[in-house]
């Protein structure tokens, strides 16, 4: 599992650099390591409302257990929704998810002052 994380990180760098031969080799190594490359969805609107709620909460830094408590769901249900979010968006980490939310790719980022009032 750790090897796949490193390969994905390397792949991201190679893609940013446009290093085509290294991208192909890294993809081949990921396939050999059992990683399945899923194409991202074309439109984040394909996420269900529950997936969006989970994604937004995780992007704010909440743990799965905290998200589960806040949404009155089990941590296993959060794991399930988060896995679907990752697959649909073609991402692999909470950091990538937070970056997408910060860019507004899943809608407007939550207003921090509004969150304080709700707490």
PDB file of N, CA and C in Angstrom:
ATOM      1  N   UNK A   1       0.835  -1.187   0.000  1.00  0.00           N
ATOM      2  CA  UNK A   1       0.000   0.000   0.000  1.00  0.00           C
ATOM      3  C   UNK A   1       0.879   1.250   0.000  1.00  0.00           C
ATOM      4  N   UNK A   2       1.942   1.249   0.809  1.00  0.00           N
ATOM      5  CA  UNK A   2       2.830   2.396   0.875  1.00  0.00           C
ATOM      6  C   UNK A   2       3.494   2.649  -0.479  1.00  0.00           C
ATOM      7  N   UNK A   3       3.820   1.561  -1.185  1.00  0.00           N
ATOM      8  CA  UNK A   3       4.437   1.691  -2.506  1.00  0.00           C
ATOM      9  C   UNK A   3       3.522   2.382  -3.494  1.00  0.00           C
ATOM     10  N   UNK A   4       2.230   2.044  -3.430  1.00  0.00           N
ATOM     11  CA  UNK A   4       1.267   2.691  -4.336  1.00  0.00           C
ATOM     12  C   UNK A   4       1.145   4.177  -4.046  1.00  0.00           C
ATOM     13  N   UNK A   5       1.181   4.542  -2.771  1.00  0.00           N
ATOM     14  CA  UNK A   5       1.105   5.966  -2.417  1.00  0.00           C
ATOM     15  C   UNK A   5       2.284   6.718  -3.017  1.00  0.00           C
ATOM     16  N   UNK A   6       3.445   6.123  -2.915  1.00  0.00           N
ATOM     17  CA  UNK A   6       4.646   6.774  -3.468  1.00  0.00           C
ATOM     18  C   UNK A   6       4.593   6.845  -4.988  1.00  0.00           C
ATOM     19  N   UNK A   7       4.102   5.780  -5.595  1.00  0.00           N
ATOM     20  CA  UNK A   7       3.971   5.794  -7.051  1.00  0.00           C
ATOM     21  C   UNK A   7       2.973   6.850  -7.506  1.00  0.00           C
ATOM     22  N   UNK A   8       1.865   6.973  -6.779  1.00  0.00           N
ATOM     23  CA  UNK A   8       0.870   8.001  -7.140  1.00  0.00           C
ATOM     24  C   UNK A   8       1.436   9.405  -6.977  1.00  0.00           C
ATOM     25  N   UNK A   9       2.206   9.601  -5.918  1.00  0.00           N
ATOM     26  CA  UNK A   9       2.836  10.912  -5.715  1.00  0.00           C
ATOM     27  C   UNK A   9       3.815  11.209  -6.850  1.00  0.00           C
ATOM     28  N   UNK A  10       4.585  10.203  -7.231  1.00  0.00           N
ATOM     29  CA  UNK A  10       5.530  10.380  -8.341  1.00  0.00           C
ATOM     30  C   UNK A  10       4.778  10.653  -9.639  1.00  0.00           C
ATOM     31  N   UNK A  11       3.687   9.922  -9.849  1.00  0.00           N
ATOM     32  CA  UNK A  11       2.889  10.123 -11.062  1.00  0.00           C
ATOM     33  C   UNK A  11       2.372  11.554 -11.147  1.00  0.00           C
ATOM     34  N   UNK A  12       1.909  12.078 -10.031  1.00  0.00           N
ATOM     35  CA  UNK A  12       1.409  13.451 -10.011  1.00  0.00           C
ATOM     36  C   UNK A  12       2.504  14.433 -10.429  1.00  0.00           C
ATOM     37  N   UNK A  13       3.700  14.229  -9.923  1.00  0.00           N
ATOM     38  CA  UNK A  13       4.827  15.111 -10.276  1.00  0.00           C
ATOM     39  C   UNK A  13       5.160  14.974 -11.764  1.00  0.00           C
ATOM     40  N   UNK A  14       5.230  13.731 -12.246  1.00  0.00           N
ATOM     41  CA  UNK A  14       5.542  13.520 -13.656  1.00  0.00           C
ATOM     42  C   UNK A  14       4.487  14.142 -14.565  1.00  0.00           C
ATOM     43  N   UNK A  15       3.219  14.060 -14.152  1.00  0.00           N
ATOM     44  CA  UNK A  15       2.155  14.672 -14.950  1.00  0.00           C
ATOM     45  C   UNK A  15       2.289  16.186 -14.977  1.00  0.00           C
ATOM     46  N   UNK A  16       2.665  16.778 -13.841  1.00  0.00           N
ATOM     47  CA  UNK A  16       2.859  18.227 -13.800  1.00  0.00           C
ATOM     48  C   UNK A  16       4.018  18.653 -14.692  1.00  0.00           C
ATOM     49  N   UNK A  17       5.036  17.796 -14.767  1.00  0.00           N
ATOM     50  CA  UNK A  17       6.209  18.105 -15.585  1.00  0.00           C
ATOM     51  C   UNK A  17       6.016  17.735 -17.057  1.00  0.00           C
ATOM     52  N   UNK A  18       4.985  16.947 -17.329  1.00  0.00           N
ATOM     53  CA  UNK A  18       4.760  16.503 -18.703  1.00  0.00           C
ATOM     54  C   UNK A  18       5.775  15.470 -19.159  1.00  0.00           C
ATOM     55  N   UNK A  19       6.312  14.701 -18.212  1.00  0.00           N
ATOM     56  CA  UNK A  19       7.337  13.701 -18.514  1.00  0.00           C
ATOM     57  C   UNK A  19       6.670  12.408 -18.981  1.00  0.00           C
ATOM     58  N   UNK A  20       6.274  12.373 -20.239  1.00  0.00           N
ATOM     59  CA  UNK A  20       5.481  11.286 -20.803  1.00  0.00           C
ATOM     60  C   UNK A  20       6.095   9.900 -20.570  1.00  0.00           C
ATOM     61  N   UNK A  21       7.390   9.660 -20.850  1.00  0.00           N
ATOM     62  CA  UNK A  21       7.929   8.306 -20.626  1.00  0.00           C
ATOM     63  C   UNK A  21       7.827   7.864 -19.158  1.00  0.00           C
ATOM     64  N   UNK A  22       8.041   8.789 -18.253  1.00  0.00           N
ATOM     65  CA  UNK A  22       7.965   8.451 -16.824  1.00  0.00           C
ATOM     66  C   UNK A  22       6.513   8.241 -16.385  1.00  0.00           C
ATOM     67  N   UNK A  23       5.594   8.975 -16.989  1.00  0.00           N
ATOM     68  CA  UNK A  23       4.168   8.780 -16.689  1.00  0.00           C
ATOM     69  C   UNK A  23       3.754   7.367 -17.086  1.00  0.00           C
ATOM     70  N   UNK A  24       4.151   6.953 -18.292  1.00  0.00           N
ATOM     71  CA  UNK A  24       3.798   5.622 -18.773  1.00  0.00           C
ATOM     72  C   UNK A  24       4.405   4.536 -17.899  1.00  0.00           C
ATOM     73  N   UNK A  25       5.664   4.717 -17.537  1.00  0.00           N
ATOM     74  CA  UNK A  25       6.329   3.710 -16.693  1.00  0.00           C
ATOM     75  C   UNK A  25       5.687   3.639 -15.307  1.00  0.00           C
ATOM     76  N   UNK A  26       5.370   4.795 -14.733  1.00  0.00           N
ATOM     77  CA  UNK A  26       4.750   4.823 -13.412  1.00  0.00           C
ATOM     78  C   UNK A  26       3.359   4.200 -13.453  1.00  0.00           C
ATOM     79  N   UNK A  27       2.601   4.483 -14.507  1.00  0.00           N
ATOM     80  CA  UNK A  27       1.289   3.843 -14.665  1.00  0.00           C
ATOM     81  C   UNK A  27       1.429   2.328 -14.761  1.00  0.00           C
ATOM     82  N   UNK A  28       2.427   1.853 -15.482  1.00  0.00           N
ATOM     83  CA  UNK A  28       2.661   0.413 -15.599  1.00  0.00           C
ATOM     84  C   UNK A  28       2.998  -0.186 -14.231  1.00  0.00           C
ATOM     85  N   UNK A  29       3.815   0.503 -13.458  1.00  0.00           N
ATOM     86  CA  UNK A  29       4.172   0.018 -12.120  1.00  0.00           C
ATOM     87  C   UNK A  29       2.959   0.017 -11.194  1.00  0.00           C
ATOM     88  N   UNK A  30       2.109   1.033 -11.309  1.00  0.00           N
ATOM     89  CA  UNK A  30       0.888   1.066 -10.505  1.00  0.00           C
ATOM     90  C   UNK A  30      -0.023  -0.117 -10.848  1.00  0.00           C
ATOM     91  N   UNK A  31      -0.165  -0.397 -12.138  1.00  0.00           N
ATOM     92  CA  UNK A  31      -0.983  -1.548 -12.534  1.00  0.00           C
ATOM     93  C   UNK A  31      -0.381  -2.837 -11.983  1.00  0.00           C
ATOM     94  N   UNK A  32       0.937  -2.969 -12.064  1.00  0.00           N
ATOM     95  CA  UNK A  32       1.615  -4.165 -11.556  1.00  0.00           C
ATOM     96  C   UNK A  32       1.447  -4.292 -10.043  1.00  0.00           C
ATOM     97  N   UNK A  33       1.319  -3.163  -9.360  1.00  0.00           N
ATOM     98  CA  UNK A  33       1.138  -3.169  -7.907  1.00  0.00           C
ATOM     99  C   UNK A  33      -0.322  -3.377  -7.520  1.00  0.00           C
ATOM    100  N   UNK A  34      -1.183  -3.553  -8.511  1.00  0.00           N
ATOM    101  CA  UNK A  34      -2.585  -3.823  -8.228  1.00  0.00           C
ATOM    102  C   UNK A  34      -3.465  -2.594  -8.127  1.00  0.00           C
ATOM    103  N   UNK A  35      -2.920  -1.437  -8.452  1.00  0.00           N
ATOM    104  CA  UNK A  35      -3.719  -0.210  -8.406  1.00  0.00           C
ATOM    105  C   UNK A  35      -4.591  -0.145  -9.649  1.00  0.00           C
ATOM    106  N   UNK A  36      -5.810   0.263  -9.455  1.00  0.00           N
ATOM    107  CA  UNK A  36      -6.737   0.399 -10.571  1.00  0.00           C
ATOM    108  C   UNK A  36      -6.888   1.877 -10.874  1.00  0.00           C
ATOM    109  N   UNK A  37      -6.593   2.249 -12.076  1.00  0.00           N
ATOM    110  CA  UNK A  37      -6.722   3.652 -12.481  1.00  0.00           C
ATOM    111  C   UNK A  37      -8.157   3.888 -12.927  1.00  0.00           C
ATOM    112  N   UNK A  38      -8.853   4.750 -12.229  1.00  0.00           N
ATOM    113  CA  UNK A  38     -10.225   5.094 -12.598  1.00  0.00           C
ATOM    114  C   UNK A  38     -10.231   6.484 -13.196  1.00  0.00           C
ATOM    115  N   UNK A  39     -10.962   6.623 -14.271  1.00  0.00           N
ATOM    116  CA  UNK A  39     -11.077   7.945 -14.873  1.00  0.00           C
ATOM    117  C   UNK A  39     -11.975   8.809 -13.988  1.00  0.00           C
ATOM    118  N   UNK A  40     -11.567  10.058 -13.772  1.00  0.00           N
ATOM    119  CA  UNK A  40     -12.414  10.938 -12.969  1.00  0.00           C
ATOM    120  C   UNK A  40     -13.703  11.274 -13.710  1.00  0.00           C
ATOM    121  N   UNK A  41     -14.702  11.652 -12.934  1.00  0.00           N
ATOM    122  CA  UNK A  41     -15.940  12.086 -13.564  1.00  0.00           C
ATOM    123  C   UNK A  41     -15.703  13.432 -14.226  1.00  0.00           C
ATOM    124  N   UNK A  42     -16.519  13.740 -15.190  1.00  0.00           N
ATOM    125  CA  UNK A  42     -16.362  14.995 -15.908  1.00  0.00           C
ATOM    126  C   UNK A  42     -16.917  16.173 -15.114  1.00  0.00           C
ATOM    127  N   UNK A  43     -17.858  15.890 -14.229  1.00  0.00           N
ATOM    128  CA  UNK A  43     -18.559  16.963 -13.556  1.00  0.00           C
ATOM    129  C   UNK A  43     -18.780  16.620 -12.085  1.00  0.00           C
ATOM    130  N   UNK A  44     -18.239  17.426 -11.147  1.00  0.00           N
ATOM    131  CA  UNK A  44     -18.449  17.134  -9.727  1.00  0.00           C
ATOM    132  C   UNK A  44     -19.914  17.111  -9.309  1.00  0.00           C
ATOM    133  N   UNK A  45     -20.815  17.621 -10.158  1.00  0.00           N
ATOM    134  CA  UNK A  45     -22.236  17.551  -9.838  1.00  0.00           C
ATOM    135  C   UNK A  45     -22.733  16.108  -9.815  1.00  0.00           C
ATOM    136  N   UNK A  46     -21.926  15.167 -10.297  1.00  0.00           N
ATOM    137  CA  UNK A  46     -22.280  13.752 -10.277  1.00  0.00           C
ATOM    138  C   UNK A  46     -22.249  13.190  -8.854  1.00  0.00           C
ATOM    139  N   UNK A  47     -21.634  13.915  -7.919  1.00  0.00           N
ATOM    140  CA  UNK A  47     -21.612  13.467  -6.529  1.00  0.00           C
ATOM    141  C   UNK A  47     -23.008  13.588  -5.933  1.00  0.00           C
ATOM    142  N   UNK A  48     -23.361  12.620  -5.101  1.00  0.00           N
ATOM    143  CA  UNK A  48     -24.645  12.707  -4.413  1.00  0.00           C
ATOM    144  C   UNK A  48     -24.567  13.803  -3.358  1.00  0.00           C
ATOM    145  N   UNK A  49     -25.695  14.313  -2.902  1.00  0.00           N
ATOM    146  CA  UNK A  49     -25.665  15.341  -1.852  1.00  0.00           C
ATOM    147  C   UNK A  49     -24.927  14.868  -0.595  1.00  0.00           C
ATOM    148  N   UNK A  50     -25.105  13.600  -0.236  1.00  0.00           N
ATOM    149  CA  UNK A  50     -24.416  13.069   0.949  1.00  0.00           C
ATOM    150  C   UNK A  50     -22.911  13.019   0.718  1.00  0.00           C
ATOM    151  N   UNK A  51     -22.486  12.651  -0.495  1.00  0.00           N
ATOM    152  CA  UNK A  51     -21.066  12.620  -0.815  1.00  0.00           C
ATOM    153  C   UNK A  51     -20.469  14.022  -0.738  1.00  0.00           C
ATOM    154  N   UNK A  52     -21.213  15.012  -1.190  1.00  0.00           N
ATOM    155  CA  UNK A  52     -20.732  16.393  -1.111  1.00  0.00           C
ATOM    156  C   UNK A  52     -20.582  16.813   0.346  1.00  0.00           C
ATOM    157  N   UNK A  53     -21.561  16.480   1.191  1.00  0.00           N
ATOM    158  CA  UNK A  53     -21.470  16.835   2.615  1.00  0.00           C
ATOM    159  C   UNK A  53     -20.246  16.199   3.257  1.00  0.00           C
ATOM    160  N   UNK A  54     -20.017  14.922   2.966  1.00  0.00           N
ATOM    161  CA  UNK A  54     -18.861  14.217   3.515  1.00  0.00           C
ATOM    162  C   UNK A  54     -17.573  14.847   2.997  1.00  0.00           C
ATOM    163  N   UNK A  55     -17.511  15.100   1.702  1.00  0.00           N
ATOM    164  CA  UNK A  55     -16.307  15.675   1.099  1.00  0.00           C
ATOM    165  C   UNK A  55     -15.982  17.042   1.708  1.00  0.00           C
ATOM    166  N   UNK A  56     -16.983  17.878   1.865  1.00  0.00           N
ATOM    167  CA  UNK A  56     -16.764  19.217   2.425  1.00  0.00           C
ATOM    168  C   UNK A  56     -16.260  19.125   3.862  1.00  0.00           C
ATOM    169  N   UNK A  57     -16.848  18.245   4.653  1.00  0.00           N
ATOM    170  CA  UNK A  57     -16.432  18.105   6.049  1.00  0.00           C
ATOM    171  C   UNK A  57     -15.004  17.576   6.148  1.00  0.00           C
ATOM    172  N   UNK A  58     -14.666  16.598   5.326  1.00  0.00           N
ATOM    173  CA  UNK A  58     -13.314  16.045   5.332  1.00  0.00           C
ATOM    174  C   UNK A  58     -12.315  17.098   4.858  1.00  0.00           C
ATOM    175  N   UNK A  59     -12.686  17.860   3.848  1.00  0.00           N
ATOM    176  CA  UNK A  59     -11.792  18.897   3.323  1.00  0.00           C
ATOM    177  C   UNK A  59     -11.507  19.977   4.366  1.00  0.00           C
ATOM    178  N   UNK A  60     -12.436  20.162   5.308  1.00  0.00           N
ATOM    179  CA  UNK A  60     -12.224  21.135   6.382  1.00  0.00           C
ATOM    180  C   UNK A  60     -11.283  20.601   7.454  1.00  0.00           C
ATOM    181  N   UNK A  61     -10.927  19.324   7.366  1.00  0.00           N
ATOM    182  CA  UNK A  61      -9.979  18.753   8.309  1.00  0.00           C
ATOM    183  C   UNK A  61     -10.584  17.811   9.332  1.00  0.00           C
ATOM    184  N   UNK A  62     -11.872  17.526   9.216  1.00  0.00           N
ATOM    185  CA  UNK A  62     -12.523  16.625  10.168  1.00  0.00           C
ATOM    186  C   UNK A  62     -12.092  15.183   9.905  1.00  0.00           C
ATOM    187  N   UNK A  63     -11.982  14.407  10.966  1.00  0.00           N
ATOM    188  CA  UNK A  63     -11.703  12.986  10.828  1.00  0.00           C
ATOM    189  C   UNK A  63     -12.992  12.275  10.425  1.00  0.00           C
ATOM    190  N   UNK A  64     -12.863  11.045   9.964  1.00  0.00           N
ATOM    191  CA  UNK A  64     -14.057  10.285   9.598  1.00  0.00           C
ATOM    192  C   UNK A  64     -14.987  10.122  10.795  1.00  0.00           C
ATOM    193  N   UNK A  65     -14.417   9.929  11.963  1.00  0.00           N
ATOM    194  CA  UNK A  65     -15.227   9.773  13.174  1.00  0.00           C
ATOM    195  C   UNK A  65     -15.992  11.065  13.485  1.00  0.00           C
ATOM    196  N   UNK A  66     -15.340  12.206  13.313  1.00  0.00           N
ATOM    197  CA  UNK A  66     -15.996  13.495  13.554  1.00  0.00           C
ATOM    198  C   UNK A  66     -17.105  13.748  12.537  1.00  0.00           C
ATOM    199  N   UNK A  67     -16.832  13.422  11.282  1.00  0.00           N
ATOM    200  CA  UNK A  67     -17.846  13.599  10.235  1.00  0.00           C
ATOM    201  C   UNK A  67     -19.044  12.699  10.538  1.00  0.00           C
ATOM    202  N   UNK A  68     -18.760  11.461  10.927  1.00  0.00           N
ATOM    203  CA  UNK A  68     -19.832  10.520  11.244  1.00  0.00           C
ATOM    204  C   UNK A  68     -20.720  11.055  12.357  1.00  0.00           C
ATOM    205  N   UNK A  69     -20.114  11.578  13.400  1.00  0.00           N
ATOM    206  CA  UNK A  69     -20.891  12.122  14.525  1.00  0.00           C
ATOM    207  C   UNK A  69     -21.719  13.321  14.067  1.00  0.00           C
ATOM    208  N   UNK A  70     -21.133  14.186  13.257  1.00  0.00           N
ATOM    209  CA  UNK A  70     -21.837  15.379  12.801  1.00  0.00           C
ATOM    210  C   UNK A  70     -22.994  15.095  11.864  1.00  0.00           C
ATOM    211  N   UNK A  71     -22.883  14.015  11.096  1.00  0.00           N
ATOM    212  CA  UNK A  71     -23.934  13.671  10.134  1.00  0.00           C
ATOM    213  C   UNK A  71     -24.831  12.537  10.630  1.00  0.00           C
ATOM    214  N   UNK A  72     -24.596  12.094  11.862  1.00  0.00           N
ATOM    215  CA  UNK A  72     -25.378  11.004  12.461  1.00  0.00           C
ATOM    216  C   UNK A  72     -25.303   9.728  11.625  1.00  0.00           C
ATOM    217  N   UNK A  73     -24.081   9.407  11.203  1.00  0.00           N
ATOM    218  CA  UNK A  73     -23.824   8.198  10.426  1.00  0.00           C
ATOM    219  C   UNK A  73     -22.716   7.412  11.112  1.00  0.00           C
ATOM    220  N   UNK A  74     -22.467   6.212  10.655  1.00  0.00           N
ATOM    221  CA  UNK A  74     -21.368   5.429  11.215  1.00  0.00           C
ATOM    222  C   UNK A  74     -20.067   5.793  10.500  1.00  0.00           C
ATOM    223  N   UNK A  75     -18.927   5.622  11.177  1.00  0.00           N
ATOM    224  CA  UNK A  75     -17.647   5.869  10.505  1.00  0.00           C
ATOM    225  C   UNK A  75     -17.472   5.005   9.254  1.00  0.00           C
ATOM    226  N   UNK A  76     -18.015   3.786   9.259  1.00  0.00           N
ATOM    227  CA  UNK A  76     -17.931   2.922   8.075  1.00  0.00           C
ATOM    228  C   UNK A  76     -18.698   3.515   6.894  1.00  0.00           C
ATOM    229  N   UNK A  77     -19.820   4.155   7.169  1.00  0.00           N
ATOM    230  CA  UNK A  77     -20.589   4.807   6.110  1.00  0.00           C
ATOM    231  C   UNK A  77     -19.802   5.980   5.534  1.00  0.00           C
ATOM    232  N   UNK A  78     -19.118   6.708   6.402  1.00  0.00           N
ATOM    233  CA  UNK A  78     -18.274   7.815   5.940  1.00  0.00           C
ATOM    234  C   UNK A  78     -17.157   7.269   5.061  1.00  0.00           C
ATOM    235  N   UNK A  79     -16.523   6.167   5.479  1.00  0.00           N
ATOM    236  CA  UNK A  79     -15.482   5.522   4.659  1.00  0.00           C
ATOM    237  C   UNK A  79     -16.021   5.197   3.264  1.00  0.00           C
ATOM    238  N   UNK A  80     -17.234   4.647   3.239  1.00  0.00           N
ATOM    239  CA  UNK A  80     -17.855   4.276   1.966  1.00  0.00           C
ATOM    240  C   UNK A  80     -18.057   5.508   1.077  1.00  0.00           C
ATOM    241  N   UNK A  81     -18.670   6.545   1.626  1.00  0.00           N
ATOM    242  CA  UNK A  81     -18.926   7.758   0.833  1.00  0.00           C
ATOM    243  C   UNK A  81     -17.625   8.414   0.386  1.00  0.00           C
ATOM    244  N   UNK A  82     -16.647   8.459   1.264  1.00  0.00           N
ATOM    245  CA  UNK A  82     -15.370   9.092   0.930  1.00  0.00           C
ATOM    246  C   UNK A  82     -14.662   8.321  -0.185  1.00  0.00           C
ATOM    247  N   UNK A  83     -14.730   6.990  -0.129  1.00  0.00           N
ATOM    248  CA  UNK A  83     -14.143   6.183  -1.202  1.00  0.00           C
ATOM    249  C   UNK A  83     -14.795   6.465  -2.548  1.00  0.00           C
ATOM    250  N   UNK A  84     -16.112   6.615  -2.534  1.00  0.00           N
ATOM    251  CA  UNK A  84     -16.828   6.942  -3.778  1.00  0.00           C
ATOM    252  C   UNK A  84     -16.438   8.336  -4.281  1.00  0.00           C
ATOM    253  N   UNK A  85     -16.285   9.282  -3.364  1.00  0.00           N
ATOM    254  CA  UNK A  85     -15.873  10.645  -3.743  1.00  0.00           C
ATOM    255  C   UNK A  85     -14.501  10.582  -4.416  1.00  0.00           C
ATOM    256  N   UNK A  86     -13.563   9.881  -3.792  1.00  0.00           N
ATOM    257  CA  UNK A  86     -12.211   9.765  -4.360  1.00  0.00           C
ATOM    258  C   UNK A  86     -12.265   9.166  -5.760  1.00  0.00           C
ATOM    259  N   UNK A  87     -13.014   8.086  -5.929  1.00  0.00           N
ATOM    260  CA  UNK A  87     -13.090   7.436  -7.243  1.00  0.00           C
ATOM    261  C   UNK A  87     -13.738   8.347  -8.280  1.00  0.00           C
ATOM    262  N   UNK A  88     -14.827   8.978  -7.903  1.00  0.00           N
ATOM    263  CA  UNK A  88     -15.526   9.837  -8.858  1.00  0.00           C
ATOM    264  C   UNK A  88     -14.685  11.038  -9.275  1.00  0.00           C
ATOM    265  N   UNK A  89     -13.907  11.568  -8.354  1.00  0.00           N
ATOM    266  CA  UNK A  89     -13.100  12.748  -8.661  1.00  0.00           C
ATOM    267  C   UNK A  89     -11.705  12.393  -9.167  1.00  0.00           C
ATOM    268  N   UNK A  90     -11.350  11.117  -9.126  1.00  0.00           N
ATOM    269  CA  UNK A  90     -10.032  10.691  -9.595  1.00  0.00           C
ATOM    270  C   UNK A  90      -8.911  11.180  -8.704  1.00  0.00           C
ATOM    271  N   UNK A  91      -9.156  11.232  -7.399  1.00  0.00           N
ATOM    272  CA  UNK A  91      -8.150  11.688  -6.441  1.00  0.00           C
ATOM    273  C   UNK A  91      -7.826  10.557  -5.473  1.00  0.00           C
ATOM    274  N   UNK A  92      -6.760  10.769  -4.676  1.00  0.00           N
ATOM    275  CA  UNK A  92      -6.291   9.704  -3.807  1.00  0.00           C
ATOM    276  C   UNK A  92      -6.076  10.129  -2.360  1.00  0.00           C
ATOM    277  N   UNK A  93      -6.281  11.403  -2.043  1.00  0.00           N
ATOM    278  CA  UNK A  93      -5.955  11.825  -0.685  1.00  0.00           C
ATOM    279  C   UNK A  93      -6.851  12.966  -0.211  1.00  0.00           C
ATOM    280  N   UNK A  94      -6.844  13.155   1.097  1.00  0.00           N
ATOM    281  CA  UNK A  94      -7.573  14.263   1.709  1.00  0.00           C
ATOM    282  C   UNK A  94      -6.986  15.594   1.256  1.00  0.00           C
ATOM    283  N   UNK A  95      -5.687  15.619   1.038  1.00  0.00           N
ATOM    284  CA  UNK A  95      -5.027  16.844   0.580  1.00  0.00           C
ATOM    285  C   UNK A  95      -5.552  17.254  -0.789  1.00  0.00           C
ATOM    286  N   UNK A  96      -5.663  16.287  -1.692  1.00  0.00           N
ATOM    287  CA  UNK A  96      -6.203  16.584  -3.025  1.00  0.00           C
ATOM    288  C   UNK A  96      -7.659  17.038  -2.926  1.00  0.00           C
ATOM    289  N   UNK A  97      -8.414  16.419  -2.027  1.00  0.00           N
ATOM    290  CA  UNK A  97      -9.808  16.800  -1.834  1.00  0.00           C
ATOM    291  C   UNK A  97      -9.899  18.234  -1.315  1.00  0.00           C
ATOM    292  N   UNK A  98      -9.075  18.568  -0.336  1.00  0.00           N
ATOM    293  CA  UNK A  98      -9.071  19.921   0.216  1.00  0.00           C
ATOM    294  C   UNK A  98      -8.705  20.946  -0.856  1.00  0.00           C
ATOM    295  N   UNK A  99      -7.764  20.592  -1.725  1.00  0.00           N
ATOM    296  CA  UNK A  99      -7.369  21.512  -2.799  1.00  0.00           C
ATOM    297  C   UNK A  99      -8.532  21.752  -3.759  1.00  0.00           C
ATOM    298  N   UNK A 100      -9.279  20.705  -4.090  1.00  0.00           N
ATOM    299  CA  UNK A 100     -10.442  20.863  -4.973  1.00  0.00           C
ATOM    300  C   UNK A 100     -11.506  21.750  -4.329  1.00  0.00           C
ATOM    301  N   UNK A 101     -11.750  21.537  -3.048  1.00  0.00           N
ATOM    302  CA  UNK A 101     -12.752  22.347  -2.344  1.00  0.00           C
ATOM    303  C   UNK A 101     -12.291  23.798  -2.273  1.00  0.00           C
ATOM    304  N   UNK A 102     -11.003  24.012  -2.009  1.00  0.00           N
ATOM    305  CA  UNK A 102     -10.466  25.378  -1.935  1.00  0.00           C
ATOM    306  C   UNK A 102     -10.607  26.104  -3.272  1.00  0.00           C
ATOM    307  N   UNK A 103     -10.502  25.354  -4.374  1.00  0.00           N
ATOM    308  CA  UNK A 103     -10.658  25.948  -5.706  1.00  0.00           C
ATOM    309  C   UNK A 103     -12.125  26.192  -6.051  1.00  0.00           C
ATOM    310  N   UNK A 104     -13.029  25.652  -5.232  1.00  0.00           N
ATOM    311  CA  UNK A 104     -14.445  25.800  -5.505  1.00  0.00           C
ATOM    312  C   UNK A 104     -14.988  24.754  -6.462  1.00  0.00           C
ATOM    313  N   UNK A 105     -14.249  23.666  -6.681  1.00  0.00           N
ATOM    314  CA  UNK A 105     -14.671  22.641  -7.628  1.00  0.00           C
ATOM    315  C   UNK A 105     -15.916  21.880  -7.174  1.00  0.00           C
ATOM    316  N   UNK A 106     -16.213  21.892  -5.881  1.00  0.00           N
ATOM    317  CA  UNK A 106     -17.397  21.193  -5.372  1.00  0.00           C
ATOM    318  C   UNK A 106     -18.448  22.180  -4.889  1.00  0.00           C
ATOM    319  N   UNK A 107     -18.351  23.400  -5.316  1.00  0.00           N
ATOM    320  CA  UNK A 107     -19.244  24.446  -4.833  1.00  0.00           C
ATOM    321  C   UNK A 107     -18.430  25.447  -4.028  1.00  0.00           C
ATOM    322  N   UNK A 108     -19.094  26.397  -3.455  1.00  0.00           N
ATOM    323  CA  UNK A 108     -18.392  27.411  -2.688  1.00  0.00           C
ATOM    324  C   UNK A 108     -17.810  26.825  -1.418  1.00  0.00           C
ATOM    325  N   UNK A 109     -16.532  27.153  -1.117  1.00  0.00           N
ATOM    326  CA  UNK A 109     -15.967  26.688   0.146  1.00  0.00           C
ATOM    327  C   UNK A 109     -16.771  27.263   1.309  1.00  0.00           C
ATOM    328  N   UNK A 110     -16.948  26.498   2.366  1.00  0.00           N
ATOM    329  CA  UNK A 110     -17.726  26.998   3.505  1.00  0.00           C
ATOM    330  C   UNK A 110     -17.096  28.257   4.093  1.00  0.00           C
ATOM    331  N   UNK A 111     -17.928  29.179   4.495  1.00  0.00           N
ATOM    332  CA  UNK A 111     -17.476  30.416   5.109  1.00  0.00           C
ATOM    333  C   UNK A 111     -17.068  30.120   6.547  1.00  0.00           C
ATOM    334  N   UNK A 112     -15.820  30.415   6.890  1.00  0.00           N
ATOM    335  CA  UNK A 112     -15.310  30.096   8.221  1.00  0.00           C
ATOM    336  C   UNK A 112     -16.080  30.815   9.320  1.00  0.00           C
ATOM    337  N   UNK A 113     -16.496  32.043   9.087  1.00  0.00           N
ATOM    338  CA  UNK A 113     -17.238  32.765  10.117  1.00  0.00           C
ATOM    339  C   UNK A 113     -18.599  32.120  10.346  1.00  0.00           C
ATOM    340  N   UNK A 114     -19.200  31.584   9.273  1.00  0.00           N
ATOM    341  CA  UNK A 114     -20.486  30.904   9.403  1.00  0.00           C
ATOM    342  C   UNK A 114     -20.339  29.627  10.212  1.00  0.00           C
ATOM    343  N   UNK A 115     -19.218  28.891   9.992  1.00  0.00           N
ATOM    344  CA  UNK A 115     -18.980  27.661  10.749  1.00  0.00           C
ATOM    345  C   UNK A 115     -18.845  27.934  12.237  1.00  0.00           C
ATOM    346  N   UNK A 116     -18.203  29.044  12.592  1.00  0.00           N
ATOM    347  CA  UNK A 116     -18.036  29.382  14.012  1.00  0.00           C
ATOM    348  C   UNK A 116     -19.381  29.646  14.658  1.00  0.00           C
ATOM    349  N   UNK A 117     -20.288  30.298  13.927  1.00  0.00           N
ATOM    350  CA  UNK A 117     -21.596  30.602  14.478  1.00  0.00           C
ATOM    351  C   UNK A 117     -22.418  29.335  14.695  1.00  0.00           C
ATOM    352  N   UNK A 118     -22.218  28.329  13.823  1.00  0.00           N
ATOM    353  CA  UNK A 118     -22.982  27.099  13.942  1.00  0.00           C
ATOM    354  C   UNK A 118     -22.482  26.240  15.082  1.00  0.00           C
ATOM    355  N   UNK A 119     -21.220  26.350  15.427  1.00  0.00           N
ATOM    356  CA  UNK A 119     -20.632  25.488  16.469  1.00  0.00           C
ATOM    357  C   UNK A 119     -21.114  25.801  17.847  1.00  0.00           C
TER     358      UNK A 119
END
